[in-house]
Amino acid sequence: MNWWQLLGWIQNALAAYYGVLALITVVLVTIAISAGWRRSRQLTVDIGAAIHTSPLAPGVSIIVPAYNEEATICACVESFLSLRYPRFEVVVVNDGSKDDTVGSMHSGFDLVEVPPNHDLALVTKPIRAVYRSRVMDNLTVIDKENGGKSDAINVGVNHSSMELICVVDADSLIESDSLLRIIEPFAMDPDKVLAAGGSIRIANECKFDGGQAIEVNLPKDRIPRYQVLEYLRSFMLARLPLGRVHASVIISGAFGVFRRKELLEVGGYDTGTIGEDAELSVRMQRHMLEQGIDYDIAFVPDAVCWTECPPSTRILARQRARWHQGLSEFLWRHRKMVGRPRFGVLGSFSLVYYFLFECLGPIVEIIAVTMAIFLFSIDYINEQMFLLLTLGSVCLGLIQSFGALMIDALWFRRIPRLRQMLRLGAESLLEMVSYRWMAQWWRLKGQVSWFQRKHSWGAMERAGLSTGGAGGARRPSGTPLSLAGSGATQAALEIAASLEEARAATPVPVLQRAA
């Protein structure tokens, strides 16, 4: 085979690669539109109200791993304690912070030390002390030696008492009804739903009160605005359609719910990986598939968690490299599932898609660009063909951005103003020819780090969310901390039956734009 034959073979392979990617993109957009419309019909019945008023709702343990969160921990925990849900507890795990995170909570919630739980299912770093709040009967604070986010979550799982585990970041805010929304799949199908994830939205420049977004603004700086588009594409055009066809891969570490029983069965979070959220999701699904147990992973797009994104390329580069390294890690760990029909849609499609188009994407993209420039420089490809390939690549990205914006505008409306939508649409073109290439380079660095077996999380610098402030009047939960009842499954079935009756009796009105 001579060089020209090799170049021809590579060109054909790249053409097939991008052709398949374009086809999959169109299919995912189509499924996402259908899933968004279907979810909008479900929202015409206030399912959350039925769960909220039922004493049979499944209990939820909200686990909050915290590291150096002194400045914002009280405000965030207060927002978690104010969530609209009938029975839950908040377990904050201080992972050996170097600042006064625990002291801040002492003054904010009047903590008193209590004996630790000695019946520990998961092995973790040593615990220094366990505290309970005198003013909030469903708040527990655990101080432990530093061991990383996964280890902190495992400590929280050990000290949790409810049948569902909800993991949230300490620097995030959850909308007041979002816990009700994300628990809905468990109430509707308690024996099948294994886990559920919500949407993550960018909070930079937004204003909050009690965990609720009272003013949604686009970030002033361009880099955070590009991330708004990134997050929209990720959740609206990947997790929404994959969840619709029962092929979800990732439950976001910032806001996800798992059944505690199965979480313990697989050994909790893996402390030796960077992409702990995706790795756990795949491991739990693998466990169910190998046991021959039917299950589902739900994605609830209207269960929203707001988080601050990196404002600078320096911090963002580390985050994106770390994410891509985590993606490579969990795909390698579960490589025997990739392309295997015995693992259902997860193995035969989802993991194949993530491997070919997410994991290998930066490598293929750089090869494609390098080859196109080389062939153009030696006149092997004419200007018209070069321009056509470039426009094709840009159009594919625009379909993804505009599709995500359209789905949000039609059914979820977390970007409320039309001019904000138009601005994001206009900037998606600039993002395609600038930010996209930086992101691909950062992802490639993450790939190299994985090959080199580096294992570093890095630091995330934050400006802090604009909230109503910590230390305000705390609303009592009205719900004492209690162990989950043994009749939880039957209770959830009764809730599901009542919800189905409500849906059957309620006509679906014409969709109207939310105020």
Protein backbone atom coordinates (compact mmCIF):
# COMPACT_ATOMS: atom_id res chain seq x y z
CA MET A 1 0.00 0.00 0.00
CA ASN A 2 1.52 3.35 -1.05
CA TRP A 3 1.00 6.70 0.67
CA TRP A 4 -1.77 7.81 -1.67
CA GLN A 5 -3.72 4.64 -1.08
CA LEU A 6 -3.30 5.11 2.68
CA LEU A 7 -4.54 8.71 2.43
CA GLY A 8 -7.53 7.55 0.44
CA TRP A 9 -8.34 4.89 3.02
CA ILE A 10 -8.11 7.41 5.86
CA GLN A 11 -10.33 9.85 3.96
CA ASN A 12 -12.97 7.19 3.44
CA ALA A 13 -12.82 6.18 7.10
CA LEU A 14 -13.21 9.81 8.22
CA ALA A 15 -16.11 10.34 5.81
CA ALA A 16 -17.85 7.25 7.22
CA TYR A 17 -17.14 8.38 10.80
CA TYR A 18 -18.68 11.82 10.33
CA GLY A 19 -21.53 10.42 8.25
CA VAL A 20 -22.51 8.05 11.07
CA LEU A 21 -22.12 10.86 13.62
CA ALA A 22 -24.40 13.12 11.57
CA LEU A 23 -27.01 10.38 11.29
CA ILE A 24 -26.90 9.63 15.03
CA THR A 25 -27.15 13.37 15.79
CA VAL A 26 -30.32 13.71 13.71
CA VAL A 27 -31.82 10.62 15.37
CA LEU A 28 -30.95 11.89 18.87
CA VAL A 29 -32.44 15.31 18.13
CA THR A 30 -35.63 13.65 16.89
CA ILE A 31 -35.90 11.42 19.96
CA ALA A 32 -35.12 14.38 22.24
CA ILE A 33 -37.95 16.43 20.71
CA SER A 34 -40.34 13.50 21.23
CA ALA A 35 -39.12 13.00 24.82
CA GLY A 36 -39.48 16.72 25.61
CA TRP A 37 -43.04 16.76 24.27
CA ARG A 38 -43.88 13.60 26.23
CA ARG A 39 -42.49 15.08 29.45
CA SER A 40 -44.44 18.31 28.91
CA ARG A 41 -47.67 16.29 28.81
CA GLN A 42 -46.79 14.61 32.09
CA LEU A 43 -46.18 17.99 33.71
CA THR A 44 -49.79 19.01 33.13
CA VAL A 45 -50.65 16.83 36.15
CA ASP A 46 -49.08 17.96 39.43
CA ILE A 47 -47.51 14.62 40.32
CA GLY A 48 -45.25 16.33 42.84
CA ALA A 49 -48.27 17.43 44.87
CA ALA A 50 -49.45 13.83 45.18
CA ILE A 51 -46.04 12.69 46.40
CA HIS A 52 -45.60 15.69 48.71
CA THR A 53 -48.88 15.10 50.51
CA SER A 54 -48.46 11.34 50.81
CA PRO A 55 -47.08 9.81 54.02
CA LEU A 56 -46.01 6.83 51.90
CA ALA A 57 -43.43 8.72 49.83
CA PRO A 58 -39.99 7.03 49.78
CA GLY A 59 -37.48 8.57 52.17
CA VAL A 60 -34.44 10.36 50.72
CA SER A 61 -30.99 10.89 52.23
CA ILE A 62 -29.36 13.95 50.62
CA ILE A 63 -25.60 13.49 50.86
CA VAL A 64 -23.47 16.62 50.48
CA PRO A 65 -19.69 16.07 50.21
CA ALA A 66 -17.91 19.31 51.14
CA TYR A 67 -14.31 20.47 50.86
CA ASN A 68 -13.27 24.04 51.69
CA GLU A 69 -16.83 25.37 51.45
CA GLU A 70 -16.76 27.71 54.49
CA ALA A 71 -18.06 30.73 52.57
CA THR A 72 -21.15 29.09 51.03
CA ILE A 73 -21.93 25.90 52.95
CA CYS A 74 -24.62 27.37 55.24
CA ALA A 75 -26.53 28.98 52.37
CA CYS A 76 -26.43 25.80 50.29
CA VAL A 77 -27.41 23.51 53.16
CA GLU A 78 -30.26 25.85 54.05
CA SER A 79 -31.52 25.57 50.47
CA PHE A 80 -31.39 21.76 50.73
CA LEU A 81 -33.29 21.83 54.03
CA SER A 82 -35.96 24.00 52.40
CA LEU A 83 -36.74 21.52 49.63
CA ARG A 84 -40.37 20.61 49.14
CA TYR A 85 -40.49 16.94 50.08
CA PRO A 86 -42.29 15.06 52.90
CA ARG A 87 -39.49 12.89 54.30
CA PHE A 88 -35.77 13.49 53.88
CA GLU A 89 -32.54 14.04 55.75
CA VAL A 90 -29.42 16.04 54.85
CA VAL A 91 -26.02 14.48 55.58
CA VAL A 92 -23.11 16.89 55.09
CA VAL A 93 -19.68 15.22 54.97
CA ASN A 94 -16.69 17.51 55.55
CA ASP A 95 -13.83 15.84 53.69
CA GLY A 96 -10.92 17.16 55.77
CA SER A 97 -11.35 20.78 54.70
CA LYS A 98 -8.45 23.15 55.31
CA ASP A 99 -10.79 26.02 56.10
CA ASP A 100 -13.46 26.32 58.81
CA THR A 101 -16.30 24.55 57.01
CA VAL A 102 -17.38 22.66 60.13
CA GLY A 103 -17.08 25.75 62.34
CA SER A 104 -19.30 27.69 59.97
CA MET A 105 -21.98 25.01 60.29
CA HIS A 106 -21.57 24.94 64.07
CA SER A 107 -22.53 28.59 64.28
CA GLY A 108 -25.20 28.36 61.59
CA PHE A 109 -27.04 25.23 62.75
CA ASP A 110 -26.14 24.78 66.45
CA LEU A 111 -24.42 21.41 66.12
CA VAL A 112 -23.88 18.96 68.97
CA GLU A 113 -21.61 15.90 68.80
CA VAL A 114 -23.28 12.47 68.82
CA PRO A 115 -21.93 8.89 68.72
CA PRO A 116 -20.98 7.73 65.20
CA ASN A 117 -22.66 4.86 63.40
CA HIS A 118 -20.56 1.72 63.95
CA ASP A 119 -22.52 -0.48 61.51
CA LEU A 120 -20.50 0.58 58.46
CA ALA A 121 -21.16 -1.19 55.17
CA LEU A 122 -18.46 0.66 53.19
CA VAL A 123 -14.78 1.03 54.10
CA THR A 124 -13.74 4.68 54.29
CA LYS A 125 -11.17 7.04 55.75
CA PRO A 126 -11.44 7.56 59.55
CA ILE A 127 -14.22 9.76 60.94
CA ARG A 128 -13.28 12.52 63.37
CA ALA A 129 -16.72 13.37 64.70
CA VAL A 130 -20.45 13.19 63.95
CA TYR A 131 -22.77 16.09 64.76
CA ARG A 132 -26.52 16.64 64.80
CA SER A 133 -28.29 19.98 64.61
CA ARG A 134 -30.37 21.13 67.58
CA VAL A 135 -32.52 23.36 65.38
CA MET A 136 -32.96 21.10 62.32
CA ASP A 137 -33.82 17.55 63.31
CA ASN A 138 -33.00 16.15 59.86
CA LEU A 139 -29.45 17.55 59.55
CA THR A 140 -26.32 15.50 60.26
CA VAL A 141 -22.76 16.78 59.82
CA ILE A 142 -19.79 14.39 59.64
CA ASP A 143 -16.16 15.50 59.93
CA LYS A 144 -13.65 13.05 58.43
CA GLU A 145 -10.09 12.80 57.19
CA ASN A 146 -9.52 13.81 53.59
CA GLY A 147 -10.11 10.99 51.13
CA GLY A 148 -11.71 12.57 48.08
CA LYS A 149 -15.30 13.08 46.96
CA SER A 150 -16.08 9.38 46.47
CA ASP A 151 -14.86 8.51 49.96
CA ALA A 152 -16.92 11.36 51.44
CA ILE A 153 -20.06 10.12 49.69
CA ASN A 154 -19.44 6.60 50.97
CA VAL A 155 -19.23 7.99 54.51
CA GLY A 156 -22.57 9.69 53.96
CA VAL A 157 -24.08 6.45 52.66
CA ASN A 158 -22.86 4.64 55.79
CA HIS A 159 -24.64 7.20 58.00
CA SER A 160 -27.80 7.51 55.90
CA SER A 161 -31.12 6.02 56.97
CA MET A 162 -33.40 6.36 53.96
CA GLU A 163 -34.02 4.00 51.04
CA LEU A 164 -32.97 6.51 48.37
CA ILE A 165 -29.60 8.28 48.19
CA CYS A 166 -29.45 11.73 46.57
CA VAL A 167 -25.94 13.07 45.94
CA VAL A 168 -25.50 16.81 45.40
CA ASP A 169 -22.51 19.14 45.31
CA ALA A 170 -21.99 21.49 48.25
CA ASP A 171 -21.70 24.48 45.94
CA SER A 172 -24.97 23.82 44.10
CA LEU A 173 -28.57 24.92 44.58
CA ILE A 174 -31.55 22.69 43.84
CA GLU A 175 -34.88 24.18 42.80
CA SER A 176 -37.47 23.74 45.56
CA ASP A 177 -39.61 21.21 43.63
CA SER A 178 -36.74 19.36 41.99
CA LEU A 179 -36.47 16.65 44.64
CA LEU A 180 -40.16 15.85 44.14
CA ARG A 181 -39.63 15.71 40.39
CA ILE A 182 -36.55 13.50 40.45
CA ILE A 183 -38.22 11.06 42.88
CA GLU A 184 -41.28 10.70 40.64
CA PRO A 185 -39.84 7.77 38.59
CA PHE A 186 -39.17 5.84 41.82
CA ALA A 187 -42.75 6.40 43.00
CA MET A 188 -44.19 5.39 39.63
CA ASP A 189 -42.09 2.22 39.22
CA PRO A 190 -40.35 1.45 42.53
CA ASP A 191 -39.17 -2.06 41.67
CA LYS A 192 -37.61 -1.12 38.33
CA VAL A 193 -36.07 2.35 38.59
CA LEU A 194 -32.48 1.98 39.76
CA ALA A 195 -31.34 5.60 39.54
CA ALA A 196 -32.41 8.99 38.25
CA GLY A 197 -30.57 12.13 37.23
CA GLY A 198 -31.59 15.74 36.86
CA SER A 199 -30.47 18.65 34.67
CA ILE A 200 -27.55 20.87 35.58
CA ARG A 201 -27.81 24.56 34.72
CA ILE A 202 -25.22 27.33 34.82
CA ALA A 203 -25.79 29.72 37.74
CA ASN A 204 -23.23 32.42 36.92
CA GLU A 205 -24.89 35.87 37.09
CA CYS A 206 -28.22 34.37 38.19
CA LYS A 207 -29.91 35.39 41.44
CA PHE A 208 -31.45 32.95 43.91
CA ASP A 209 -33.67 33.04 46.97
CA GLY A 210 -34.26 29.91 49.02
CA GLY A 211 -32.76 27.74 46.30
CA GLN A 212 -35.13 29.13 43.66
CA ALA A 213 -33.86 31.07 40.66
CA ILE A 214 -35.59 34.43 40.90
CA GLU A 215 -33.63 36.02 38.05
CA VAL A 216 -31.99 34.01 35.27
CA ASN A 217 -29.29 35.88 33.41
CA LEU A 218 -26.69 34.84 30.89
CA PRO A 219 -23.09 35.05 32.11
CA LYS A 220 -21.41 38.31 31.18
CA ASP A 221 -18.19 36.63 30.09
CA ARG A 222 -18.02 34.61 26.89
CA ILE A 223 -16.38 31.48 28.33
CA PRO A 224 -19.23 30.82 30.83
CA ARG A 225 -21.79 31.57 28.09
CA TYR A 226 -20.23 28.90 25.90
CA GLN A 227 -20.63 26.49 28.80
CA VAL A 228 -24.37 27.27 28.94
CA LEU A 229 -24.56 25.92 25.38
CA GLU A 230 -22.38 22.94 26.28
CA TYR A 231 -24.59 21.95 29.20
CA LEU A 232 -27.76 22.37 27.15
CA ARG A 233 -26.42 20.08 24.42
CA SER A 234 -25.21 17.52 26.93
CA PHE A 235 -28.51 17.23 28.80
CA MET A 236 -31.09 17.97 26.10
CA LEU A 237 -29.47 16.05 23.21
CA ALA A 238 -27.68 13.22 24.99
CA ARG A 239 -29.19 12.37 28.35
CA LEU A 240 -32.78 13.21 27.43
CA PRO A 241 -32.97 10.95 24.33
CA LEU A 242 -30.81 8.19 25.86
CA GLY A 243 -33.06 8.18 28.91
CA ARG A 244 -36.09 7.93 26.62
CA VAL A 245 -34.76 4.70 25.03
CA HIS A 246 -33.51 3.28 28.36
CA ALA A 247 -29.86 3.70 27.42
CA SER A 248 -28.57 6.23 29.98
CA VAL A 249 -24.87 6.07 30.82
CA ILE A 250 -24.11 8.97 33.17
CA ILE A 251 -25.91 10.21 36.27
CA SER A 252 -24.44 13.62 37.05
CA GLY A 253 -22.41 13.77 40.26
CA ALA A 254 -23.95 17.18 40.97
CA PHE A 255 -27.53 15.87 41.25
CA GLY A 256 -28.39 12.18 41.11
CA VAL A 257 -30.49 9.68 43.06
CA PHE A 258 -29.76 5.97 43.59
CA ARG A 259 -31.44 3.12 45.39
CA ARG A 260 -29.39 2.56 48.55
CA LYS A 261 -29.73 -1.25 48.52
CA GLU A 262 -28.15 -1.67 45.08
CA LEU A 263 -25.59 1.04 45.80
CA LEU A 264 -24.32 -1.00 48.73
CA GLU A 265 -24.46 -4.24 46.74
CA VAL A 266 -21.90 -2.91 44.22
CA GLY A 267 -19.61 -1.52 46.95
CA GLY A 268 -20.50 2.17 46.80
CA TYR A 269 -18.49 4.79 44.97
CA ASP A 270 -15.07 3.78 43.63
CA THR A 271 -12.40 5.94 45.30
CA GLY A 272 -9.79 5.07 42.68
CA THR A 273 -11.37 6.77 39.68
CA ILE A 274 -11.86 10.38 38.65
CA GLY A 275 -15.17 9.88 36.82
CA GLU A 276 -16.84 8.36 39.86
CA ASP A 277 -20.41 9.29 38.86
CA ALA A 278 -20.32 7.67 35.41
CA GLU A 279 -18.35 4.67 36.66
CA LEU A 280 -20.91 3.99 39.40
CA SER A 281 -23.83 4.29 36.99
CA VAL A 282 -22.31 1.80 34.56
CA ARG A 283 -21.22 -0.58 37.36
CA MET A 284 -24.71 -0.63 38.87
CA GLN A 285 -26.26 -1.32 35.48
CA ARG A 286 -23.71 -4.04 34.77
CA HIS A 287 -24.60 -5.65 38.10
CA MET A 288 -28.31 -5.67 37.24
CA LEU A 289 -27.72 -7.03 33.72
CA GLU A 290 -25.44 -9.80 34.93
CA GLN A 291 -28.07 -10.77 37.51
CA GLY A 292 -30.78 -10.75 34.84
CA ILE A 293 -32.80 -8.13 36.73
CA ASP A 294 -34.93 -5.68 34.76
CA TYR A 295 -34.18 -2.03 35.61
CA ASP A 296 -34.35 1.51 34.31
CA ILE A 297 -32.22 4.64 34.63
CA ALA A 298 -34.40 7.75 34.45
CA PHE A 299 -33.54 11.27 33.36
CA VAL A 300 -35.82 14.04 34.62
CA PRO A 301 -35.09 17.22 32.61
CA ASP A 302 -37.24 19.50 34.75
CA ALA A 303 -35.50 18.48 38.00
CA VAL A 304 -32.94 21.28 37.96
CA CYS A 305 -29.75 21.88 39.89
CA TRP A 306 -27.90 25.18 39.47
CA THR A 307 -24.11 25.24 39.71
CA GLU A 308 -21.34 27.73 39.09
CA CYS A 309 -19.14 26.99 36.11
CA PRO A 310 -15.43 27.86 35.76
CA PRO A 311 -15.10 31.52 34.72
CA SER A 312 -11.61 31.25 33.20
CA THR A 313 -9.94 29.01 30.63
CA ARG A 314 -7.22 28.12 33.15
CA ILE A 315 -9.68 26.44 35.52
CA LEU A 316 -11.93 25.17 32.74
CA ALA A 317 -9.01 23.45 31.00
CA ARG A 318 -8.28 21.41 34.13
CA GLN A 319 -11.95 20.50 34.56
CA ARG A 320 -12.46 19.37 30.97
CA ALA A 321 -9.22 17.38 30.94
CA ARG A 322 -10.27 15.71 34.20
CA TRP A 323 -13.72 14.86 32.83
CA HIS A 324 -12.26 13.30 29.70
CA GLN A 325 -9.77 11.33 31.74
CA GLY A 326 -12.65 10.03 33.84
CA LEU A 327 -14.55 9.07 30.67
CA SER A 328 -11.54 7.09 29.41
CA GLU A 329 -11.15 5.41 32.79
CA PHE A 330 -14.67 4.08 33.13
CA LEU A 331 -14.80 2.96 29.48
CA TRP A 332 -11.58 1.01 29.98
CA ARG A 333 -12.79 -0.52 33.24
CA HIS A 334 -15.98 -1.71 31.57
CA ARG A 335 -14.49 -2.39 28.13
CA LYS A 336 -15.97 -5.90 28.08
CA MET A 337 -19.42 -4.30 27.88
CA VAL A 338 -18.65 -2.16 24.80
CA GLY A 339 -20.35 -3.57 21.71
CA ARG A 340 -21.80 -6.57 23.58
CA PRO A 341 -25.52 -7.17 22.86
CA ARG A 342 -25.84 -9.19 26.09
CA PHE A 343 -25.62 -5.85 27.92
CA GLY A 344 -28.64 -4.52 26.07
CA VAL A 345 -28.85 -1.05 24.56
CA LEU A 346 -26.22 0.13 27.05
CA GLY A 347 -23.56 -2.19 25.64
CA SER A 348 -24.60 -2.33 22.01
CA PHE A 349 -25.19 1.40 21.50
CA SER A 350 -24.59 3.82 24.40
CA LEU A 351 -21.08 2.71 25.36
CA VAL A 352 -20.13 2.34 21.69
CA TYR A 353 -21.31 5.90 21.06
CA TYR A 354 -19.36 7.26 24.04
CA PHE A 355 -16.25 5.37 22.98
CA LEU A 356 -16.27 6.34 19.29
CA PHE A 357 -17.63 9.88 19.40
CA GLU A 358 -16.84 11.14 22.91
CA CYS A 359 -13.67 9.34 23.96
CA LEU A 360 -12.01 9.15 20.52
CA GLY A 361 -13.61 12.38 19.27
CA PRO A 362 -10.66 14.71 20.02
CA ILE A 363 -8.17 12.35 18.37
CA VAL A 364 -10.30 11.89 15.25
CA GLU A 365 -11.03 15.62 15.01
CA ILE A 366 -7.37 16.58 15.17
CA ILE A 367 -6.47 13.93 12.57
CA ALA A 368 -9.27 15.18 10.30
CA VAL A 369 -8.25 18.83 10.55
CA THR A 370 -4.56 18.08 10.10
CA MET A 371 -5.26 15.93 7.04
CA ALA A 372 -7.60 18.50 5.50
CA ILE A 373 -5.01 21.26 5.86
CA PHE A 374 -2.25 19.01 4.49
CA LEU A 375 -4.28 17.88 1.48
CA PHE A 376 -5.34 21.45 0.77
CA SER A 377 -1.72 22.64 0.92
CA ILE A 378 -0.61 20.09 -1.72
CA ASP A 379 -3.64 20.76 -3.94
CA TYR A 380 -4.95 17.23 -3.39
CA ILE A 381 -8.29 18.72 -2.35
CA ASN A 382 -9.77 21.78 -4.07
CA GLU A 383 -11.08 24.89 -2.38
CA GLN A 384 -14.72 23.98 -2.98
CA MET A 385 -14.37 20.58 -1.33
CA PHE A 386 -12.39 22.07 1.59
CA LEU A 387 -15.10 24.69 2.13
CA LEU A 388 -17.85 22.07 1.88
CA LEU A 389 -16.22 19.89 4.55
CA THR A 390 -15.75 22.88 6.85
CA LEU A 391 -19.35 24.01 6.44
CA GLY A 392 -20.58 20.47 7.02
CA SER A 393 -18.73 20.28 10.33
CA VAL A 394 -20.04 23.69 11.43
CA CYS A 395 -23.61 22.84 10.42
CA LEU A 396 -23.53 19.64 12.45
CA GLY A 397 -22.56 21.64 15.52
CA LEU A 398 -25.25 24.23 14.83
CA ILE A 399 -27.91 21.53 14.56
CA GLN A 400 -26.92 20.36 18.02
CA SER A 401 -26.94 23.86 19.53
CA PHE A 402 -30.17 25.01 17.90
CA GLY A 403 -31.86 21.70 18.68
CA ALA A 404 -30.99 22.00 22.37
CA LEU A 405 -32.13 25.64 22.49
CA MET A 406 -35.42 24.76 20.78
CA ILE A 407 -36.19 21.92 23.22
CA ASP A 408 -35.52 24.17 26.20
CA ALA A 409 -37.57 27.02 24.74
CA LEU A 410 -40.58 24.81 23.95
CA TRP A 411 -40.88 22.76 27.11
CA PHE A 412 -38.51 23.60 29.98
CA ARG A 413 -37.96 27.37 29.70
CA ARG A 414 -35.08 27.86 32.12
CA ILE A 415 -33.80 30.58 29.77
CA PRO A 416 -36.86 32.81 30.01
CA ARG A 417 -36.21 35.73 27.67
CA LEU A 418 -36.28 35.55 23.89
CA ARG A 419 -33.31 37.86 23.48
CA GLN A 420 -31.23 35.53 25.65
CA MET A 421 -32.13 32.64 23.38
CA LEU A 422 -31.29 34.68 20.28
CA ARG A 423 -27.95 35.70 21.77
CA LEU A 424 -27.03 32.10 22.54
CA GLY A 425 -28.07 31.08 19.04
CA ALA A 426 -25.87 33.76 17.50
CA GLU A 427 -22.91 32.89 19.71
CA SER A 428 -23.16 29.19 18.87
CA LEU A 429 -21.54 29.98 15.53
CA LEU A 430 -18.61 31.75 17.18
CA GLU A 431 -18.34 28.89 19.65
CA MET A 432 -18.03 26.38 16.80
CA VAL A 433 -15.01 28.11 15.28
CA SER A 434 -13.20 29.07 18.49
CA TYR A 435 -14.14 27.50 21.83
CA ARG A 436 -14.75 24.09 20.27
CA TRP A 437 -11.10 23.69 19.29
CA MET A 438 -9.87 24.72 22.73
CA ALA A 439 -12.21 22.18 24.31
CA GLN A 440 -10.96 19.44 22.00
CA TRP A 441 -7.36 20.24 22.96
CA TRP A 442 -8.21 20.08 26.67
CA ARG A 443 -9.95 16.74 26.16
CA LEU A 444 -6.93 15.43 24.31
CA LYS A 445 -4.77 16.40 27.29
CA GLY A 446 -7.13 14.40 29.50
CA GLN A 447 -6.65 11.43 27.18
CA VAL A 448 -2.87 11.75 27.55
CA SER A 449 -3.21 11.98 31.34
CA TRP A 450 -5.17 8.74 31.30
CA PHE A 451 -2.46 7.02 29.27
CA GLN A 452 0.10 8.30 31.77
CA ARG A 453 -2.10 7.07 34.66
CA LYS A 454 -2.12 10.47 36.37
CA HIS A 455 -4.69 10.76 39.16
CA SER A 456 -5.34 14.36 40.16
CA TRP A 457 -8.66 16.17 40.65
CA GLY A 458 -7.29 19.72 40.72
CA ALA A 459 -8.91 22.70 42.43
CA MET A 460 -12.04 24.61 41.44
CA GLU A 461 -12.06 28.32 42.26
CA ARG A 462 -15.52 29.85 42.62
CA ALA A 463 -16.88 33.33 43.03
CA GLY A 464 -19.97 32.11 44.89
CA LEU A 465 -23.64 32.06 43.95
CA SER A 466 -25.86 35.08 44.44
CA THR A 467 -28.38 33.96 47.08
CA GLY A 468 -30.66 35.44 49.64
CA GLY A 469 -27.84 34.92 52.11
CA ALA A 470 -26.94 32.43 54.78
CA GLY A 471 -28.01 32.63 58.35
CA GLY A 472 -31.55 33.76 57.59
CA ALA A 473 -34.63 32.24 59.16
CA ARG A 474 -34.54 28.51 58.67
CA ARG A 475 -37.80 26.83 57.86
CA PRO A 476 -38.38 23.74 60.00
CA SER A 477 -38.55 20.53 58.04
CA GLY A 478 -41.50 19.25 59.96
CA THR A 479 -40.11 15.77 59.44
CA PRO A 480 -38.09 13.97 62.10
CA LEU A 481 -35.18 11.80 61.10
CA SER A 482 -36.43 8.24 60.95
CA LEU A 483 -35.57 4.89 59.46
CA ALA A 484 -37.26 3.85 56.23
CA GLY A 485 -40.29 1.67 56.74
CA SER A 486 -40.32 -1.88 55.49
CA GLY A 487 -43.45 -1.13 53.46
CA ALA A 488 -41.72 1.41 51.23
CA THR A 489 -42.25 -0.56 48.02
CA GLN A 490 -45.95 -1.12 48.69
CA ALA A 491 -46.29 2.54 49.62
CA ALA A 492 -44.70 3.64 46.36
CA LEU A 493 -47.01 1.31 44.44
CA GLU A 494 -50.03 2.93 46.08
CA ILE A 495 -48.70 6.39 45.17
CA ALA A 496 -48.12 5.24 41.58
CA ALA A 497 -51.68 3.90 41.35
CA SER A 498 -53.15 7.18 42.58
CA LEU A 499 -51.01 9.14 40.12
CA GLU A 500 -52.14 6.98 37.19
CA GLU A 501 -55.76 7.61 38.20
CA ALA A 502 -55.08 11.35 38.32
CA ARG A 503 -53.48 11.27 34.88
CA ALA A 504 -56.33 9.28 33.38
CA ALA A 505 -58.90 11.71 34.78
CA THR A 506 -57.05 14.87 33.75
CA PRO A 507 -57.27 16.11 30.13
CA VAL A 508 -54.05 17.39 28.59
CA PRO A 509 -54.45 21.11 27.86
CA VAL A 510 -52.80 23.02 25.06
CA LEU A 511 -49.26 23.95 26.10
CA GLN A 512 -48.87 27.54 27.24
CA ARG A 513 -45.70 29.41 27.95
CA ALA A 514 -44.94 29.58 31.67
CA ALA A 515 -45.15 33.00 33.29
